[in-house]
Every structure is written in structure tokens, then in C-alpha cells.
Amino acid sequence: MGDKPLWEQIGSQFVQLYYQHFDNDRVKVGDLYSLPFQAIQHIITAQDHQPTPDSCVMSMVMGQLKADQDQVMGFQQVFLLRNFDNKWLCTNEMFRLSLHNFA
């Protein structure tokens, strides 16, 4: 990972930690969300990270998720990471399920 730019390393590490906690120990992220399901699994298919002019890192994640017995669904999620006292925190987030009605 050392050959990647710092912002790419920060974004990748955040994405890995976020989805690991979300899938395996939701208590760590549960206070931030209303989570009506019992189990969830994320599969990350792509992630992109960019520095912002104000020294933040914007991360976009695409993948699939499966909650409880529901069908597998695609999703996109965007995070804005900001450094506070040498700790990277998520200050903004957007999430969208990829649901389409082609009927």
C-alpha cells in the first residue's frame, strides 16, 4: 500500500474498517443508524478515493449487499473523511440502494 498516495491509503483503510465493523460487529456503527435487520453481508466490487481541495478524502464505494433473507441488492455509498487531531472521521455520507423497476 506504500506506493499509493496518502489519500488513497486513508480511503481504502476506512472502507475496509467500516464494512468489517458493519458486517461483523454492527454495535460499533449501530448508534448511527436504524438497523432493522439481523444479519448483513457486503461485497465491495469497486472503490475510488480522491483528495479534496480542503485536505479531506472523498471515498466512493460500489458493491452488493444481502440483509437477512432478502435478495442480493447493489448499492453505492460515498464518504467524506476529514482529519481532526490526527484522526480521520467521517463527516458526511450518502447511501443508495440500486433498485430499479423496469416493469
PDB file of N, CA and C in Angstrom:
ATOM      1  N   MET A   1       0.807  -1.198   0.000  1.00  0.00           N
ATOM      2  CA  MET A   1       0.000   0.000   0.000  1.00  0.00           C
ATOM      3  C   MET A   1       0.853   1.266   0.000  1.00  0.00           C
ATOM      4  N   GLY A   2       2.150   1.141   0.338  1.00  0.00           N
ATOM      5  CA  GLY A   2       3.014   2.291   0.451  1.00  0.00           C
ATOM      6  C   GLY A   2       3.213   3.051  -0.841  1.00  0.00           C
ATOM      7  N   ASP A   3       2.986   2.433  -1.995  1.00  0.00           N
ATOM      8  CA  ASP A   3       3.174   3.115  -3.265  1.00  0.00           C
ATOM      9  C   ASP A   3       1.956   3.923  -3.682  1.00  0.00           C
ATOM     10  N   LYS A   4       0.857   3.801  -2.951  1.00  0.00           N
ATOM     11  CA  LYS A   4      -0.353   4.573  -3.248  1.00  0.00           C
ATOM     12  C   LYS A   4      -0.264   5.934  -2.569  1.00  0.00           C
ATOM     13  N   PRO A   5      -0.922   6.956  -3.131  1.00  0.00           N
ATOM     14  CA  PRO A   5      -0.962   8.260  -2.469  1.00  0.00           C
ATOM     15  C   PRO A   5      -1.620   8.145  -1.091  1.00  0.00           C
ATOM     16  N   LEU A   6      -1.282   9.052  -0.204  1.00  0.00           N
ATOM     17  CA  LEU A   6      -1.797   9.015   1.168  1.00  0.00           C
ATOM     18  C   LEU A   6      -3.318   9.004   1.205  1.00  0.00           C
ATOM     19  N   TRP A   7      -3.954   9.818   0.367  1.00  0.00           N
ATOM     20  CA  TRP A   7      -5.416   9.878   0.384  1.00  0.00           C
ATOM     21  C   TRP A   7      -6.031   8.557  -0.051  1.00  0.00           C
ATOM     22  N   GLU A   8      -5.369   7.824  -0.953  1.00  0.00           N
ATOM     23  CA  GLU A   8      -5.845   6.510  -1.381  1.00  0.00           C
ATOM     24  C   GLU A   8      -5.715   5.505  -0.234  1.00  0.00           C
ATOM     25  N   GLN A   9      -4.627   5.579   0.502  1.00  0.00           N
ATOM     26  CA  GLN A   9      -4.423   4.699   1.656  1.00  0.00           C
ATOM     27  C   GLN A   9      -5.464   4.973   2.743  1.00  0.00           C
ATOM     28  N   ILE A  10      -5.718   6.241   3.042  1.00  0.00           N
ATOM     29  CA  ILE A  10      -6.698   6.612   4.069  1.00  0.00           C
ATOM     30  C   ILE A  10      -8.081   6.123   3.674  1.00  0.00           C
ATOM     31  N   GLY A  11      -8.485   6.376   2.450  1.00  0.00           N
ATOM     32  CA  GLY A  11      -9.804   5.948   1.982  1.00  0.00           C
ATOM     33  C   GLY A  11      -9.964   4.441   2.005  1.00  0.00           C
ATOM     34  N   SER A  12      -8.973   3.716   1.514  1.00  0.00           N
ATOM     35  CA  SER A  12      -9.044   2.248   1.485  1.00  0.00           C
ATOM     36  C   SER A  12      -9.106   1.656   2.888  1.00  0.00           C
ATOM     37  N   GLN A  13      -8.314   2.194   3.800  1.00  0.00           N
ATOM     38  CA  GLN A  13      -8.331   1.695   5.175  1.00  0.00           C
ATOM     39  C   GLN A  13      -9.672   1.967   5.845  1.00  0.00           C
ATOM     40  N   PHE A  14     -10.243   3.152   5.610  1.00  0.00           N
ATOM     41  CA  PHE A  14     -11.548   3.467   6.188  1.00  0.00           C
ATOM     42  C   PHE A  14     -12.617   2.524   5.656  1.00  0.00           C
ATOM     43  N   VAL A  15     -12.656   2.325   4.334  1.00  0.00           N
ATOM     44  CA  VAL A  15     -13.665   1.452   3.731  1.00  0.00           C
ATOM     45  C   VAL A  15     -13.558   0.037   4.292  1.00  0.00           C
ATOM     46  N   GLN A  16     -12.350  -0.489   4.390  1.00  0.00           N
ATOM     47  CA  GLN A  16     -12.165  -1.839   4.925  1.00  0.00           C
ATOM     48  C   GLN A  16     -12.671  -1.929   6.361  1.00  0.00           C
ATOM     49  N   LEU A  17     -12.303  -0.978   7.211  1.00  0.00           N
ATOM     50  CA  LEU A  17     -12.717  -0.992   8.613  1.00  0.00           C
ATOM     51  C   LEU A  17     -14.226  -0.802   8.758  1.00  0.00           C
ATOM     52  N   TYR A  18     -14.790   0.145   7.994  1.00  0.00           N
ATOM     53  CA  TYR A  18     -16.226   0.442   8.081  1.00  0.00           C
ATOM     54  C   TYR A  18     -17.069  -0.798   7.772  1.00  0.00           C
ATOM     55  N   TYR A  19     -16.804  -1.445   6.643  1.00  0.00           N
ATOM     56  CA  TYR A  19     -17.633  -2.591   6.255  1.00  0.00           C
ATOM     57  C   TYR A  19     -17.335  -3.818   7.111  1.00  0.00           C
ATOM     58  N   GLN A  20     -16.122  -3.950   7.606  1.00  0.00           N
ATOM     59  CA  GLN A  20     -15.816  -5.045   8.531  1.00  0.00           C
ATOM     60  C   GLN A  20     -16.645  -4.892   9.805  1.00  0.00           C
ATOM     61  N   HIS A  21     -16.681  -3.679  10.375  1.00  0.00           N
ATOM     62  CA  HIS A  21     -17.499  -3.441  11.563  1.00  0.00           C
ATOM     63  C   HIS A  21     -18.981  -3.600  11.248  1.00  0.00           C
ATOM     64  N   PHE A  22     -19.411  -3.061  10.115  1.00  0.00           N
ATOM     65  CA  PHE A  22     -20.835  -3.113   9.759  1.00  0.00           C
ATOM     66  C   PHE A  22     -21.302  -4.555   9.610  1.00  0.00           C
ATOM     67  N   ASP A  23     -20.513  -5.411   8.985  1.00  0.00           N
ATOM     68  CA  ASP A  23     -20.903  -6.790   8.738  1.00  0.00           C
ATOM     69  C   ASP A  23     -20.752  -7.679   9.967  1.00  0.00           C
ATOM     70  N   ASN A  24     -19.745  -7.431  10.789  1.00  0.00           N
ATOM     71  CA  ASN A  24     -19.410  -8.365  11.851  1.00  0.00           C
ATOM     72  C   ASN A  24     -19.705  -7.885  13.266  1.00  0.00           C
ATOM     73  N   ASP A  25     -19.764  -6.585  13.488  1.00  0.00           N
ATOM     74  CA  ASP A  25     -19.983  -6.055  14.837  1.00  0.00           C
ATOM     75  C   ASP A  25     -20.714  -4.724  14.731  1.00  0.00           C
ATOM     76  N   ARG A  26     -21.976  -4.810  14.268  1.00  0.00           N
ATOM     77  CA  ARG A  26     -22.754  -3.603  13.998  1.00  0.00           C
ATOM     78  C   ARG A  26     -22.921  -2.704  15.212  1.00  0.00           C
ATOM     79  N   VAL A  27     -22.697  -3.208  16.405  1.00  0.00           N
ATOM     80  CA  VAL A  27     -22.801  -2.372  17.596  1.00  0.00           C
ATOM     81  C   VAL A  27     -21.890  -1.155  17.461  1.00  0.00           C
ATOM     82  N   LYS A  28     -20.758  -1.344  16.799  1.00  0.00           N
ATOM     83  CA  LYS A  28     -19.801  -0.252  16.639  1.00  0.00           C
ATOM     84  C   LYS A  28     -20.319   0.853  15.713  1.00  0.00           C
ATOM     85  N   VAL A  29     -21.260   0.545  14.833  1.00  0.00           N
ATOM     86  CA  VAL A  29     -21.837   1.566  13.951  1.00  0.00           C
ATOM     87  C   VAL A  29     -23.339   1.725  14.168  1.00  0.00           C
ATOM     88  N   GLY A  30     -23.931   0.873  14.998  1.00  0.00           N
ATOM     89  CA  GLY A  30     -25.377   0.840  15.189  1.00  0.00           C
ATOM     90  C   GLY A  30     -25.968   2.112  15.747  1.00  0.00           C
ATOM     91  N   ASP A  31     -25.213   2.849  16.558  1.00  0.00           N
ATOM     92  CA  ASP A  31     -25.741   4.086  17.125  1.00  0.00           C
ATOM     93  C   ASP A  31     -25.973   5.157  16.067  1.00  0.00           C
ATOM     94  N   LEU A  32     -25.375   4.977  14.904  1.00  0.00           N
ATOM     95  CA  LEU A  32     -25.510   5.968  13.837  1.00  0.00           C
ATOM     96  C   LEU A  32     -26.715   5.714  12.942  1.00  0.00           C
ATOM     97  N   TYR A  33     -27.277   4.507  13.018  1.00  0.00           N
ATOM     98  CA  TYR A  33     -28.296   4.094  12.069  1.00  0.00           C
ATOM     99  C   TYR A  33     -29.462   3.415  12.777  1.00  0.00           C
ATOM    100  N   SER A  34     -30.595   3.346  12.072  1.00  0.00           N
ATOM    101  CA  SER A  34     -31.706   2.478  12.474  1.00  0.00           C
ATOM    102  C   SER A  34     -31.560   1.212  11.635  1.00  0.00           C
ATOM    103  N   LEU A  35     -31.178   0.108  12.255  1.00  0.00           N
ATOM    104  CA  LEU A  35     -30.845  -1.123  11.546  1.00  0.00           C
ATOM    105  C   LEU A  35     -31.863  -2.209  11.875  1.00  0.00           C
ATOM    106  N   PRO A  36     -32.878  -2.411  11.025  1.00  0.00           N
ATOM    107  CA  PRO A  36     -33.942  -3.357  11.348  1.00  0.00           C
ATOM    108  C   PRO A  36     -33.596  -4.814  11.051  1.00  0.00           C
ATOM    109  N   PHE A  37     -32.486  -5.109  10.404  1.00  0.00           N
ATOM    110  CA  PHE A  37     -32.139  -6.472  10.022  1.00  0.00           C
ATOM    111  C   PHE A  37     -31.237  -7.108  11.075  1.00  0.00           C
ATOM    112  N   GLN A  38     -31.179  -8.446  11.036  1.00  0.00           N
ATOM    113  CA  GLN A  38     -30.358  -9.194  11.980  1.00  0.00           C
ATOM    114  C   GLN A  38     -28.952  -9.463  11.456  1.00  0.00           C
ATOM    115  N   ALA A  39     -28.836  -9.716  10.150  1.00  0.00           N
ATOM    116  CA  ALA A  39     -27.535 -10.045   9.561  1.00  0.00           C
ATOM    117  C   ALA A  39     -27.389  -9.318   8.234  1.00  0.00           C
ATOM    118  N   ILE A  40     -26.151  -8.964   7.921  1.00  0.00           N
ATOM    119  CA  ILE A  40     -25.875  -8.316   6.643  1.00  0.00           C
ATOM    120  C   ILE A  40     -24.475  -8.706   6.182  1.00  0.00           C
ATOM    121  N   GLN A  41     -24.318  -8.748   4.865  1.00  0.00           N
ATOM    122  CA  GLN A  41     -23.009  -9.020   4.278  1.00  0.00           C
ATOM    123  C   GLN A  41     -22.820  -8.087   3.095  1.00  0.00           C
ATOM    124  N   HIS A  42     -21.688  -7.388   3.065  1.00  0.00           N
ATOM    125  CA  HIS A  42     -21.325  -6.503   1.960  1.00  0.00           C
ATOM    126  C   HIS A  42     -20.241  -7.158   1.126  1.00  0.00           C
ATOM    127  N   ILE A  43     -20.352  -7.008  -0.183  1.00  0.00           N
ATOM    128  CA  ILE A  43     -19.284  -7.391  -1.103  1.00  0.00           C
ATOM    129  C   ILE A  43     -18.901  -6.122  -1.858  1.00  0.00           C
ATOM    130  N   ILE A  44     -17.681  -5.664  -1.646  1.00  0.00           N
ATOM    131  CA  ILE A  44     -17.207  -4.441  -2.289  1.00  0.00           C
ATOM    132  C   ILE A  44     -16.636  -4.817  -3.651  1.00  0.00           C
ATOM    133  N   THR A  45     -17.201  -4.251  -4.716  1.00  0.00           N
ATOM    134  CA  THR A  45     -16.721  -4.563  -6.061  1.00  0.00           C
ATOM    135  C   THR A  45     -15.798  -3.480  -6.614  1.00  0.00           C
ATOM    136  N   ALA A  46     -15.927  -2.251  -6.116  1.00  0.00           N
ATOM    137  CA  ALA A  46     -15.047  -1.170  -6.565  1.00  0.00           C
ATOM    138  C   ALA A  46     -15.044  -0.067  -5.516  1.00  0.00           C
ATOM    139  N   GLN A  47     -13.919   0.625  -5.436  1.00  0.00           N
ATOM    140  CA  GLN A  47     -13.838   1.789  -4.564  1.00  0.00           C
ATOM    141  C   GLN A  47     -12.889   2.791  -5.192  1.00  0.00           C
ATOM    142  N   ASP A  48     -13.250   4.067  -5.073  1.00  0.00           N
ATOM    143  CA  ASP A  48     -12.442   5.158  -5.600  1.00  0.00           C
ATOM    144  C   ASP A  48     -12.277   6.189  -4.501  1.00  0.00           C
ATOM    145  N   HIS A  49     -11.084   6.790  -4.427  1.00  0.00           N
ATOM    146  CA  HIS A  49     -10.774   7.768  -3.398  1.00  0.00           C
ATOM    147  C   HIS A  49     -10.115   8.967  -4.054  1.00  0.00           C
ATOM    148  N   GLN A  50     -10.501  10.176  -3.605  1.00  0.00           N
ATOM    149  CA  GLN A  50      -9.933  11.396  -4.163  1.00  0.00           C
ATOM    150  C   GLN A  50      -9.665  12.386  -3.049  1.00  0.00           C
ATOM    151  N   PRO A  51      -8.566  13.137  -3.161  1.00  0.00           N
ATOM    152  CA  PRO A  51      -8.348  14.221  -2.208  1.00  0.00           C
ATOM    153  C   PRO A  51      -9.242  15.399  -2.580  1.00  0.00           C
ATOM    154  N   THR A  52      -9.622  16.194  -1.603  1.00  0.00           N
ATOM    155  CA  THR A  52     -10.404  17.393  -1.869  1.00  0.00           C
ATOM    156  C   THR A  52      -9.513  18.615  -1.653  1.00  0.00           C
ATOM    157  N   PRO A  53      -9.902  19.773  -2.179  1.00  0.00           N
ATOM    158  CA  PRO A  53      -9.064  20.966  -2.017  1.00  0.00           C
ATOM    159  C   PRO A  53      -8.841  21.368  -0.560  1.00  0.00           C
ATOM    160  N   ASP A  54      -9.742  20.958   0.345  1.00  0.00           N
ATOM    161  CA  ASP A  54      -9.594  21.322   1.759  1.00  0.00           C
ATOM    162  C   ASP A  54      -8.987  20.189   2.589  1.00  0.00           C
ATOM    163  N   SER A  55      -8.170  19.346   1.937  1.00  0.00           N
ATOM    164  CA  SER A  55      -7.402  18.270   2.595  1.00  0.00           C
ATOM    165  C   SER A  55      -8.254  17.161   3.191  1.00  0.00           C
ATOM    166  N   CYS A  56      -9.443  16.949   2.655  1.00  0.00           N
ATOM    167  CA  CYS A  56     -10.272  15.817   3.042  1.00  0.00           C
ATOM    168  C   CYS A  56     -10.047  14.686   2.038  1.00  0.00           C
ATOM    169  N   VAL A  57     -10.687  13.565   2.285  1.00  0.00           N
ATOM    170  CA  VAL A  57     -10.654  12.443   1.350  1.00  0.00           C
ATOM    171  C   VAL A  57     -12.095  12.048   1.058  1.00  0.00           C
ATOM    172  N   MET A  58     -12.471  12.018  -0.209  1.00  0.00           N
ATOM    173  CA  MET A  58     -13.795  11.557  -0.613  1.00  0.00           C
ATOM    174  C   MET A  58     -13.657  10.138  -1.146  1.00  0.00           C
ATOM    175  N   SER A  59     -14.464   9.228  -0.595  1.00  0.00           N
ATOM    176  CA  SER A  59     -14.412   7.817  -0.983  1.00  0.00           C
ATOM    177  C   SER A  59     -15.763   7.381  -1.518  1.00  0.00           C
ATOM    178  N   MET A  60     -15.768   6.738  -2.686  1.00  0.00           N
ATOM    179  CA  MET A  60     -16.988   6.201  -3.273  1.00  0.00           C
ATOM    180  C   MET A  60     -16.845   4.685  -3.349  1.00  0.00           C
ATOM    181  N   VAL A  61     -17.870   3.976  -2.869  1.00  0.00           N
ATOM    182  CA  VAL A  61     -17.855   2.520  -2.807  1.00  0.00           C
ATOM    183  C   VAL A  61     -19.032   1.987  -3.599  1.00  0.00           C
ATOM    184  N   MET A  62     -18.799   0.940  -4.380  1.00  0.00           N
ATOM    185  CA  MET A  62     -19.866   0.247  -5.101  1.00  0.00           C
ATOM    186  C   MET A  62     -19.783  -1.222  -4.749  1.00  0.00           C
ATOM    187  N   GLY A  63     -20.947  -1.872  -4.661  1.00  0.00           N
ATOM    188  CA  GLY A  63     -20.926  -3.282  -4.341  1.00  0.00           C
ATOM    189  C   GLY A  63     -22.319  -3.865  -4.246  1.00  0.00           C
ATOM    190  N   GLN A  64     -22.382  -4.995  -3.553  1.00  0.00           N
ATOM    191  CA  GLN A  64     -23.639  -5.692  -3.337  1.00  0.00           C
ATOM    192  C   GLN A  64     -23.788  -5.955  -1.847  1.00  0.00           C
ATOM    193  N   LEU A  65     -25.040  -6.037  -1.396  1.00  0.00           N
ATOM    194  CA  LEU A  65     -25.290  -6.390  -0.012  1.00  0.00           C
ATOM    195  C   LEU A  65     -26.454  -7.366   0.059  1.00  0.00           C
ATOM    196  N   LYS A  66     -26.452  -8.141   1.131  1.00  0.00           N
ATOM    197  CA  LYS A  66     -27.535  -9.086   1.398  1.00  0.00           C
ATOM    198  C   LYS A  66     -27.878  -8.953   2.866  1.00  0.00           C
ATOM    199  N   ALA A  67     -29.137  -8.595   3.153  1.00  0.00           N
ATOM    200  CA  ALA A  67     -29.617  -8.452   4.526  1.00  0.00           C
ATOM    201  C   ALA A  67     -30.630  -9.551   4.807  1.00  0.00           C
ATOM    202  N   ASP A  68     -30.404 -10.270   5.914  1.00  0.00           N
ATOM    203  CA  ASP A  68     -31.282 -11.376   6.321  1.00  0.00           C
ATOM    204  C   ASP A  68     -31.545 -12.302   5.127  1.00  0.00           C
ATOM    205  N   GLN A  69     -32.830 -12.539   4.825  1.00  0.00           N
ATOM    206  CA  GLN A  69     -33.189 -13.436   3.720  1.00  0.00           C
ATOM    207  C   GLN A  69     -33.568 -12.670   2.448  1.00  0.00           C
ATOM    208  N   ASP A  70     -33.322 -11.363   2.428  1.00  0.00           N
ATOM    209  CA  ASP A  70     -33.626 -10.562   1.242  1.00  0.00           C
ATOM    210  C   ASP A  70     -32.736 -10.962   0.074  1.00  0.00           C
ATOM    211  N   GLN A  71     -33.147 -10.570  -1.124  1.00  0.00           N
ATOM    212  CA  GLN A  71     -32.322 -10.808  -2.307  1.00  0.00           C
ATOM    213  C   GLN A  71     -31.076  -9.921  -2.260  1.00  0.00           C
ATOM    214  N   VAL A  72     -30.074 -10.301  -3.016  1.00  0.00           N
ATOM    215  CA  VAL A  72     -28.859  -9.501  -3.124  1.00  0.00           C
ATOM    216  C   VAL A  72     -29.205  -8.223  -3.872  1.00  0.00           C
ATOM    217  N   MET A  73     -28.722  -7.092  -3.356  1.00  0.00           N
ATOM    218  CA  MET A  73     -29.001  -5.782  -3.963  1.00  0.00           C
ATOM    219  C   MET A  73     -27.701  -5.029  -4.165  1.00  0.00           C
ATOM    220  N   GLY A  74     -27.639  -4.260  -5.235  1.00  0.00           N
ATOM    221  CA  GLY A  74     -26.494  -3.392  -5.461  1.00  0.00           C
ATOM    222  C   GLY A  74     -26.619  -2.136  -4.621  1.00  0.00           C
ATOM    223  N   PHE A  75     -25.482  -1.502  -4.330  1.00  0.00           N
ATOM    224  CA  PHE A  75     -25.501  -0.246  -3.589  1.00  0.00           C
ATOM    225  C   PHE A  75     -24.309   0.619  -3.982  1.00  0.00           C
ATOM    226  N   GLN A  76     -24.448   1.904  -3.703  1.00  0.00           N
ATOM    227  CA  GLN A  76     -23.353   2.866  -3.800  1.00  0.00           C
ATOM    228  C   GLN A  76     -23.344   3.652  -2.497  1.00  0.00           C
ATOM    229  N   GLN A  77     -22.146   3.988  -2.043  1.00  0.00           N
ATOM    230  CA  GLN A  77     -22.013   4.767  -0.820  1.00  0.00           C
ATOM    231  C   GLN A  77     -20.824   5.700  -0.970  1.00  0.00           C
ATOM    232  N   VAL A  78     -20.999   6.935  -0.504  1.00  0.00           N
ATOM    233  CA  VAL A  78     -19.949   7.943  -0.585  1.00  0.00           C
ATOM    234  C   VAL A  78     -19.674   8.456   0.828  1.00  0.00           C
ATOM    235  N   PHE A  79     -18.389   8.581   1.166  1.00  0.00           N
ATOM    236  CA  PHE A  79     -17.964   9.095   2.467  1.00  0.00           C
ATOM    237  C   PHE A  79     -17.061  10.295   2.254  1.00  0.00           C
ATOM    238  N   LEU A  80     -17.191  11.294   3.123  1.00  0.00           N
ATOM    239  CA  LEU A  80     -16.237  12.400   3.166  1.00  0.00           C
ATOM    240  C   LEU A  80     -15.492  12.287   4.486  1.00  0.00           C
ATOM    241  N   LEU A  81     -14.185  12.081   4.407  1.00  0.00           N
ATOM    242  CA  LEU A  81     -13.347  11.887   5.587  1.00  0.00           C
ATOM    243  C   LEU A  81     -12.535  13.147   5.846  1.00  0.00           C
ATOM    244  N   ARG A  82     -12.513  13.576   7.111  1.00  0.00           N
ATOM    245  CA  ARG A  82     -11.785  14.789   7.492  1.00  0.00           C
ATOM    246  C   ARG A  82     -10.875  14.458   8.677  1.00  0.00           C
ATOM    247  N   ASN A  83      -9.704  15.060   8.684  1.00  0.00           N
ATOM    248  CA  ASN A  83      -8.741  14.828   9.747  1.00  0.00           C
ATOM    249  C   ASN A  83      -8.967  15.831  10.885  1.00  0.00           C
ATOM    250  N   PHE A  84      -9.252  15.293  12.083  1.00  0.00           N
ATOM    251  CA  PHE A  84      -9.388  16.091  13.296  1.00  0.00           C
ATOM    252  C   PHE A  84      -8.386  15.558  14.314  1.00  0.00           C
ATOM    253  N   ASP A  85      -7.463  16.385  14.742  1.00  0.00           N
ATOM    254  CA  ASP A  85      -6.470  15.989  15.745  1.00  0.00           C
ATOM    255  C   ASP A  85      -5.778  14.678  15.381  1.00  0.00           C
ATOM    256  N   ASN A  86      -5.383  14.568  14.140  1.00  0.00           N
ATOM    257  CA  ASN A  86      -4.659  13.406  13.622  1.00  0.00           C
ATOM    258  C   ASN A  86      -5.488  12.122  13.620  1.00  0.00           C
ATOM    259  N   LYS A  87      -6.820  12.240  13.604  1.00  0.00           N
ATOM    260  CA  LYS A  87      -7.732  11.101  13.469  1.00  0.00           C
ATOM    261  C   LYS A  87      -8.664  11.388  12.309  1.00  0.00           C
ATOM    262  N   TRP A  88      -8.881  10.381  11.447  1.00  0.00           N
ATOM    263  CA  TRP A  88      -9.766  10.539  10.301  1.00  0.00           C
ATOM    264  C   TRP A  88     -11.179  10.161  10.702  1.00  0.00           C
ATOM    265  N   LEU A  89     -12.114  11.106  10.528  1.00  0.00           N
ATOM    266  CA  LEU A  89     -13.515  10.899  10.880  1.00  0.00           C
ATOM    267  C   LEU A  89     -14.394  11.115   9.657  1.00  0.00           C
ATOM    268  N   CYS A  90     -15.475  10.367   9.588  1.00  0.00           N
ATOM    269  CA  CYS A  90     -16.446  10.534   8.507  1.00  0.00           C
ATOM    270  C   CYS A  90     -17.380  11.674   8.890  1.00  0.00           C
ATOM    271  N   THR A  91     -17.347  12.752   8.097  1.00  0.00           N
ATOM    272  CA  THR A  91     -18.198  13.906   8.391  1.00  0.00           C
ATOM    273  C   THR A  91     -19.462  13.929   7.541  1.00  0.00           C
ATOM    274  N   ASN A  92     -19.454  13.263   6.414  1.00  0.00           N
ATOM    275  CA  ASN A  92     -20.620  13.190   5.539  1.00  0.00           C
ATOM    276  C   ASN A  92     -20.673  11.812   4.895  1.00  0.00           C
ATOM    277  N   GLU A  93     -21.891  11.370   4.598  1.00  0.00           N
ATOM    278  CA  GLU A  93     -22.078  10.065   3.972  1.00  0.00           C
ATOM    279  C   GLU A  93     -23.354  10.088   3.144  1.00  0.00           C
ATOM    280  N   MET A  94     -23.327   9.416   2.005  1.00  0.00           N
ATOM    281  CA  MET A  94     -24.526   9.215   1.186  1.00  0.00           C
ATOM    282  C   MET A  94     -24.599   7.744   0.824  1.00  0.00           C
ATOM    283  N   PHE A  95     -25.806   7.164   0.880  1.00  0.00           N
ATOM    284  CA  PHE A  95     -26.013   5.750   0.595  1.00  0.00           C
ATOM    285  C   PHE A  95     -27.212   5.615  -0.328  1.00  0.00           C
ATOM    286  N   ARG A  96     -27.094   4.724  -1.310  1.00  0.00           N
ATOM    287  CA  ARG A  96     -28.208   4.485  -2.230  1.00  0.00           C
ATOM    288  C   ARG A  96     -28.227   3.022  -2.622  1.00  0.00           C
ATOM    289  N   LEU A  97     -29.393   2.373  -2.436  1.00  0.00           N
ATOM    290  CA  LEU A  97     -29.583   1.030  -2.995  1.00  0.00           C
ATOM    291  C   LEU A  97     -29.812   1.166  -4.485  1.00  0.00           C
ATOM    292  N   SER A  98     -29.356   0.218  -5.253  1.00  0.00           N
ATOM    293  CA  SER A  98     -29.544   0.226  -6.701  1.00  0.00           C
ATOM    294  C   SER A  98     -30.794  -0.559  -7.042  1.00  0.00           C
ATOM    295  N   LEU A  99     -31.918   0.041  -6.771  1.00  0.00           N
ATOM    296  CA  LEU A  99     -33.199  -0.600  -7.033  1.00  0.00           C
ATOM    297  C   LEU A  99     -33.810   0.025  -8.278  1.00  0.00           C
ATOM    298  N   HIS A 100     -34.224  -0.819  -9.200  1.00  0.00           N
ATOM    299  CA  HIS A 100     -34.812  -0.354 -10.446  1.00  0.00           C
ATOM    300  C   HIS A 100     -36.093  -1.115 -10.711  1.00  0.00           C
ATOM    301  N   ASN A 101     -37.075  -0.416 -11.187  1.00  0.00           N
ATOM    302  CA  ASN A 101     -38.334  -1.047 -11.570  1.00  0.00           C
ATOM    303  C   ASN A 101     -38.455  -0.910 -13.081  1.00  0.00           C
ATOM    304  N   PHE A 102     -38.193  -1.992 -13.788  1.00  0.00           N
ATOM    305  CA  PHE A 102     -38.208  -1.959 -15.250  1.00  0.00           C
ATOM    306  C   PHE A 102     -39.560  -2.423 -15.822  1.00  0.00           C
ATOM    307  N   ALA A 103     -40.556  -2.572 -14.974  1.00  0.00           N
ATOM    308  CA  ALA A 103     -41.858  -3.060 -15.449  1.00  0.00           C
ATOM    309  C   ALA A 103     -42.579  -2.011 -16.240  1.00  0.00           C
TER     310      ALA A 103
END
